[in-house]
Amino acid sequence: MKDKSNYYIKSIKRAIRVLDSFSLEENELGVTELSKKLKLHKSTVHRILVTLESEGVVVRKQSNQKYSLGMSLFRWGSIAQMQIDIRKYALPEMGNLAKKTGECVYLNIISGKKRISIEKVESDLEVRRVIKLGEPLPLYTGGSGKVLLAYLPDKEIEKFTAEEKLISYTPNTITEPKKLLENLKEIREKGYGIGVGERIKGATTIGAPVFDNTNKVVASLTISGPTERFDDDKISQFVPLLKESADNISSLLGYHSLEKEK
């Protein structure tokens, strides 16, 4: 096994040491204090802090010129906590869905302008999709990604379709912004999205949204497998099962659908 230390970036390690110096007891620290604590030159500590401040990772108090942790860390921590919570609540439901359908089931979230899978339950069948957790994948292909994209605020969707280069992975990939917007509108109307060979030939995905207690879509639940097993009859069987499982996870996250009140 290769020594991972060969790949370490010294400046990043130092920045992490700086951040790790803050605590509940010492929530404000100055350049001199950090320099003594970490046994680093003051100029080195200052450069690290200025860089972190520019990205909102730390903030500097004007009254005493000391630094404290910034809101970027709070946002990252909230995302990490949400992933943990979603996975904890989703996994039992994902297992049930996988048993009912016989196909691979996975959970996805948005990461930047991509989507990543954060949990999966694989099919027991010999021919099945192999999903890599944490791998950044296009947000505009497949049922899993398009569902996440479809439920973003309209302005964010417009910005995405205007700025993102829609690369063709297969002949079925939607590469025209107008067609993609039409497809996203249809997904919101139906409450689920389907992708047939849009990123990988011969693979079909059906995705449904997972909502949190603020009525925001925080994940997509997806059934995936070889297209040959996803004929119209199977899809019509899978969709209500998928939507039911996604609704159950949403309820566990505190989502309260207005439709259920009617």
Protein backbone atom coordinates (compact mmCIF):
# COMPACT_ATOMS: atom_id res chain seq x y z
CA MET A 1 0.00 0.00 0.00
CA LYS A 2 1.30 3.44 -0.95
CA ASP A 3 2.15 5.90 1.80
CA LYS A 4 -0.71 8.42 1.69
CA SER A 5 1.47 11.05 3.33
CA ASN A 6 3.13 11.52 -0.07
CA TYR A 7 -0.11 13.15 -1.23
CA TYR A 8 -0.59 15.48 1.72
CA ILE A 9 -0.68 19.23 1.03
CA LYS A 10 1.15 20.94 3.89
CA SER A 11 -0.77 24.22 3.69
CA ILE A 12 -4.12 22.41 3.95
CA LYS A 13 -2.92 20.42 6.95
CA ARG A 14 -1.82 23.66 8.61
CA ALA A 15 -5.19 25.28 7.88
CA ILE A 16 -6.95 22.33 9.51
CA ARG A 17 -4.69 22.65 12.55
CA VAL A 18 -5.65 26.33 12.78
CA LEU A 19 -9.37 25.50 12.66
CA ASP A 20 -8.93 22.68 15.14
CA SER A 21 -7.46 25.16 17.64
CA PHE A 22 -10.85 26.76 18.22
CA SER A 23 -13.08 25.36 20.95
CA LEU A 24 -16.07 26.35 23.06
CA GLU A 25 -13.67 27.70 25.66
CA GLU A 26 -11.40 29.43 23.13
CA ASN A 27 -13.80 30.59 20.44
CA GLU A 28 -11.79 33.71 19.58
CA LEU A 29 -8.08 33.53 18.81
CA GLY A 30 -5.56 36.02 17.46
CA VAL A 31 -2.59 35.54 15.16
CA THR A 32 -0.07 35.66 18.02
CA GLU A 33 -2.03 33.15 20.13
CA LEU A 34 -2.33 30.71 17.23
CA SER A 35 1.30 31.16 16.31
CA LYS A 36 2.42 30.17 19.84
CA LYS A 37 -0.13 27.38 20.12
CA LEU A 38 0.78 25.74 16.82
CA LYS A 39 4.48 26.69 16.83
CA LEU A 40 4.08 28.29 13.41
CA HIS A 41 5.50 31.61 12.21
CA LYS A 42 3.08 34.53 12.62
CA SER A 43 3.25 35.36 8.90
CA THR A 44 2.25 31.77 8.04
CA VAL A 45 -0.71 31.87 10.46
CA HIS A 46 -1.76 35.27 9.13
CA ARG A 47 -1.77 34.08 5.50
CA ILE A 48 -3.84 31.04 6.43
CA LEU A 49 -6.36 33.15 8.33
CA VAL A 50 -6.68 35.73 5.55
CA THR A 51 -7.34 32.94 3.06
CA LEU A 52 -9.91 31.26 5.32
CA GLU A 53 -11.58 34.61 5.96
CA SER A 54 -11.95 35.25 2.22
CA GLU A 55 -13.97 32.02 1.96
CA GLY A 56 -16.12 32.67 5.02
CA VAL A 57 -14.50 29.86 7.01
CA VAL A 58 -13.37 32.28 9.73
CA VAL A 59 -14.42 35.84 10.57
CA ARG A 60 -12.34 38.64 12.08
CA LYS A 61 -13.72 40.80 14.89
CA GLN A 62 -12.88 44.45 14.29
CA SER A 63 -12.81 45.37 17.98
CA ASN A 64 -9.93 43.07 18.93
CA GLN A 65 -8.70 41.74 15.55
CA LYS A 66 -9.29 38.19 16.74
CA TYR A 67 -10.76 35.40 14.62
CA SER A 68 -13.64 33.02 15.20
CA LEU A 69 -15.20 30.22 13.14
CA GLY A 70 -17.41 31.37 10.26
CA MET A 71 -20.79 30.35 8.87
CA SER A 72 -19.30 28.21 6.09
CA LEU A 73 -18.36 25.64 8.72
CA PHE A 74 -21.88 25.74 10.12
CA ARG A 75 -23.31 25.12 6.64
CA TRP A 76 -20.93 22.21 6.00
CA GLY A 77 -21.72 20.76 9.39
CA SER A 78 -25.45 21.03 8.72
CA ILE A 79 -25.02 19.22 5.40
CA ALA A 80 -23.00 16.45 7.05
CA GLN A 81 -25.58 16.10 9.84
CA MET A 82 -28.42 15.99 7.34
CA GLN A 83 -26.69 13.22 5.39
CA ILE A 84 -26.34 11.18 8.55
CA ASP A 85 -29.99 11.72 9.48
CA ILE A 86 -31.31 10.96 6.01
CA ARG A 87 -29.30 7.77 5.72
CA LYS A 88 -30.42 6.60 9.17
CA TYR A 89 -34.09 7.11 8.35
CA ALA A 90 -33.90 5.99 4.73
CA LEU A 91 -31.99 2.72 4.96
CA PRO A 92 -34.79 0.51 6.40
CA GLU A 93 -37.23 1.84 3.80
CA MET A 94 -34.66 1.32 1.06
CA GLY A 95 -34.23 -2.30 2.13
CA ASN A 96 -37.99 -2.88 1.95
CA LEU A 97 -38.18 -1.28 -1.50
CA ALA A 98 -35.28 -3.38 -2.78
CA LYS A 99 -37.05 -6.56 -1.61
CA LYS A 100 -40.32 -5.55 -3.25
CA THR A 101 -38.75 -4.62 -6.60
CA GLY A 102 -35.70 -6.90 -6.73
CA GLU A 103 -33.68 -3.96 -8.05
CA CYS A 104 -30.95 -1.69 -6.70
CA VAL A 105 -32.17 1.22 -4.59
CA TYR A 106 -30.08 4.26 -3.77
CA LEU A 107 -30.27 7.66 -2.13
CA ASN A 108 -28.85 10.81 -3.73
CA ILE A 109 -28.18 14.40 -2.78
CA ILE A 110 -26.99 17.51 -4.63
CA SER A 111 -23.31 18.38 -4.30
CA GLY A 112 -22.52 21.65 -6.08
CA LYS A 113 -23.73 21.20 -9.64
CA LYS A 114 -23.54 17.42 -9.40
CA ARG A 115 -25.36 14.69 -7.56
CA ILE A 116 -23.85 11.96 -5.44
CA SER A 117 -25.21 8.73 -3.99
CA ILE A 118 -24.85 8.56 -0.22
CA GLU A 119 -26.50 5.19 0.47
CA LYS A 120 -27.48 2.08 -1.48
CA VAL A 121 -29.08 -1.33 -1.21
CA GLU A 122 -27.97 -3.58 -4.04
CA SER A 123 -30.07 -6.11 -5.92
CA ASP A 124 -29.54 -9.83 -5.34
CA LEU A 125 -29.83 -10.48 -9.08
CA GLU A 126 -26.68 -11.38 -11.00
CA VAL A 127 -27.16 -8.62 -13.57
CA ARG A 128 -27.49 -5.34 -11.70
CA ARG A 129 -26.32 -1.73 -11.57
CA VAL A 130 -23.12 -1.09 -9.64
CA ILE A 131 -23.36 2.22 -7.81
CA LYS A 132 -20.33 4.02 -6.37
CA LEU A 133 -21.12 6.02 -3.28
CA GLY A 134 -19.77 9.57 -3.29
CA GLU A 135 -18.98 9.71 -7.00
CA PRO A 136 -20.01 13.09 -8.54
CA LEU A 137 -22.40 12.50 -11.44
CA PRO A 138 -24.35 14.83 -13.77
CA LEU A 139 -27.43 16.43 -12.28
CA TYR A 140 -29.31 16.52 -15.60
CA THR A 141 -29.19 12.81 -16.48
CA GLY A 142 -31.19 9.90 -15.08
CA GLY A 143 -34.21 9.88 -12.83
CA SER A 144 -32.15 10.41 -9.68
CA GLY A 145 -30.43 13.59 -10.83
CA LYS A 146 -33.32 15.15 -12.72
CA VAL A 147 -35.63 14.86 -9.72
CA LEU A 148 -33.17 16.81 -7.59
CA LEU A 149 -32.82 19.43 -10.31
CA ALA A 150 -36.57 19.64 -10.94
CA TYR A 151 -37.37 20.66 -7.37
CA LEU A 152 -34.82 23.44 -7.09
CA PRO A 153 -36.19 27.01 -7.06
CA ASP A 154 -37.03 28.23 -10.58
CA LYS A 155 -34.22 30.79 -10.59
CA GLU A 156 -31.65 28.12 -9.75
CA ILE A 157 -32.98 25.84 -12.47
CA GLU A 158 -32.80 28.66 -15.02
CA LYS A 159 -29.26 29.49 -13.93
CA PHE A 160 -28.22 25.84 -14.17
CA THR A 161 -29.62 25.34 -17.69
CA ALA A 162 -28.09 28.64 -18.82
CA GLU A 163 -24.60 27.99 -17.44
CA GLU A 164 -24.15 24.22 -17.46
CA LYS A 165 -22.79 22.58 -20.59
CA LEU A 166 -25.13 19.66 -21.28
CA ILE A 167 -22.73 16.96 -22.47
CA SER A 168 -24.07 13.99 -24.41
CA TYR A 169 -23.21 10.70 -22.70
CA THR A 170 -25.50 8.58 -24.88
CA PRO A 171 -27.95 9.28 -27.71
CA ASN A 172 -30.66 9.54 -25.02
CA THR A 173 -29.00 12.33 -23.04
CA ILE A 174 -31.04 15.54 -23.05
CA THR A 175 -28.66 18.23 -24.29
CA GLU A 176 -31.09 21.00 -25.24
CA PRO A 177 -31.96 23.36 -22.35
CA LYS A 178 -35.54 23.83 -23.60
CA LYS A 179 -36.21 20.08 -23.67
CA LEU A 180 -34.62 19.65 -20.26
CA LEU A 181 -36.82 22.38 -18.78
CA GLU A 182 -39.90 20.70 -20.28
CA ASN A 183 -38.84 17.36 -18.79
CA LEU A 184 -38.22 18.94 -15.37
CA LYS A 185 -41.69 20.52 -15.44
CA GLU A 186 -43.21 17.12 -16.24
CA ILE A 187 -41.29 15.56 -13.32
CA ARG A 188 -42.72 18.09 -10.88
CA GLU A 189 -46.23 17.45 -12.20
CA LYS A 190 -45.93 13.66 -11.89
CA GLY A 191 -43.85 13.54 -8.74
CA TYR A 192 -41.19 11.28 -10.19
CA GLY A 193 -38.63 11.16 -13.00
CA ILE A 194 -37.41 8.45 -15.36
CA GLY A 195 -34.13 8.17 -17.24
CA VAL A 196 -33.68 5.47 -19.86
CA GLY A 197 -30.07 5.10 -20.94
CA GLU A 198 -29.37 8.81 -20.47
CA ARG A 199 -25.92 8.38 -18.92
CA ILE A 200 -25.23 4.68 -19.39
CA LYS A 201 -26.69 2.67 -22.26
CA GLY A 202 -28.94 -0.13 -21.11
CA ALA A 203 -29.61 1.33 -17.65
CA THR A 204 -32.91 2.76 -16.43
CA THR A 205 -33.50 4.82 -13.30
CA ILE A 206 -36.72 6.00 -11.65
CA GLY A 207 -36.36 8.72 -9.03
CA ALA A 208 -38.74 10.31 -6.53
CA PRO A 209 -38.20 13.33 -4.26
CA VAL A 210 -37.57 13.15 -0.52
CA PHE A 211 -38.73 16.22 1.46
CA ASP A 212 -37.65 17.51 4.87
CA ASN A 213 -39.61 19.35 7.57
CA THR A 214 -39.27 22.65 5.68
CA ASN A 215 -40.95 21.13 2.59
CA LYS A 216 -37.64 21.27 0.74
CA VAL A 217 -36.39 18.39 -1.42
CA VAL A 218 -33.19 17.18 0.24
CA ALA A 219 -32.66 13.89 -1.58
CA SER A 220 -33.94 11.59 -4.30
CA LEU A 221 -34.79 7.93 -3.84
CA THR A 222 -34.07 5.82 -6.89
CA ILE A 223 -34.74 2.37 -8.29
CA SER A 224 -32.18 1.37 -10.90
CA GLY A 225 -31.45 -1.61 -13.09
CA PRO A 226 -30.99 -2.96 -16.64
CA THR A 227 -33.44 -1.42 -19.11
CA GLU A 228 -34.46 -4.89 -20.32
CA ARG A 229 -36.10 -5.50 -16.92
CA PHE A 230 -37.83 -2.10 -16.87
CA ASP A 231 -40.65 -2.52 -19.38
CA ASP A 232 -43.83 -0.45 -19.16
CA ASP A 233 -45.58 -2.95 -16.90
CA LYS A 234 -42.67 -3.08 -14.45
CA ILE A 235 -42.35 0.70 -14.40
CA SER A 236 -46.07 1.06 -13.63
CA GLN A 237 -45.56 -1.37 -10.72
CA PHE A 238 -42.39 0.30 -9.47
CA VAL A 239 -43.53 3.94 -9.51
CA PRO A 240 -46.19 3.72 -6.75
CA LEU A 241 -43.85 1.60 -4.59
CA LEU A 242 -41.06 4.15 -5.06
CA LYS A 243 -43.28 7.13 -4.30
CA GLU A 244 -44.65 5.42 -1.19
CA SER A 245 -41.14 4.74 0.12
CA ALA A 246 -40.02 8.30 -0.64
CA ASP A 247 -43.11 9.62 1.17
CA ASN A 248 -42.39 7.40 4.18
CA ILE A 249 -38.81 8.72 4.43
CA SER A 250 -40.09 12.29 4.04
CA SER A 251 -42.52 11.75 6.91
CA LEU A 252 -39.69 10.51 9.12
CA LEU A 253 -37.80 13.73 8.29
CA GLY A 254 -40.78 15.79 9.44
CA TYR A 255 -42.39 16.54 6.08
CA HIS A 256 -46.12 17.24 6.28
CA SER A 257 -47.81 17.07 2.88
CA LEU A 258 -50.69 19.46 2.32
CA GLU A 259 -52.32 16.85 0.06
CA LYS A 260 -52.65 14.47 3.03
CA GLU A 261 -54.74 17.11 4.84
CA LYS A 262 -57.28 17.31 2.04
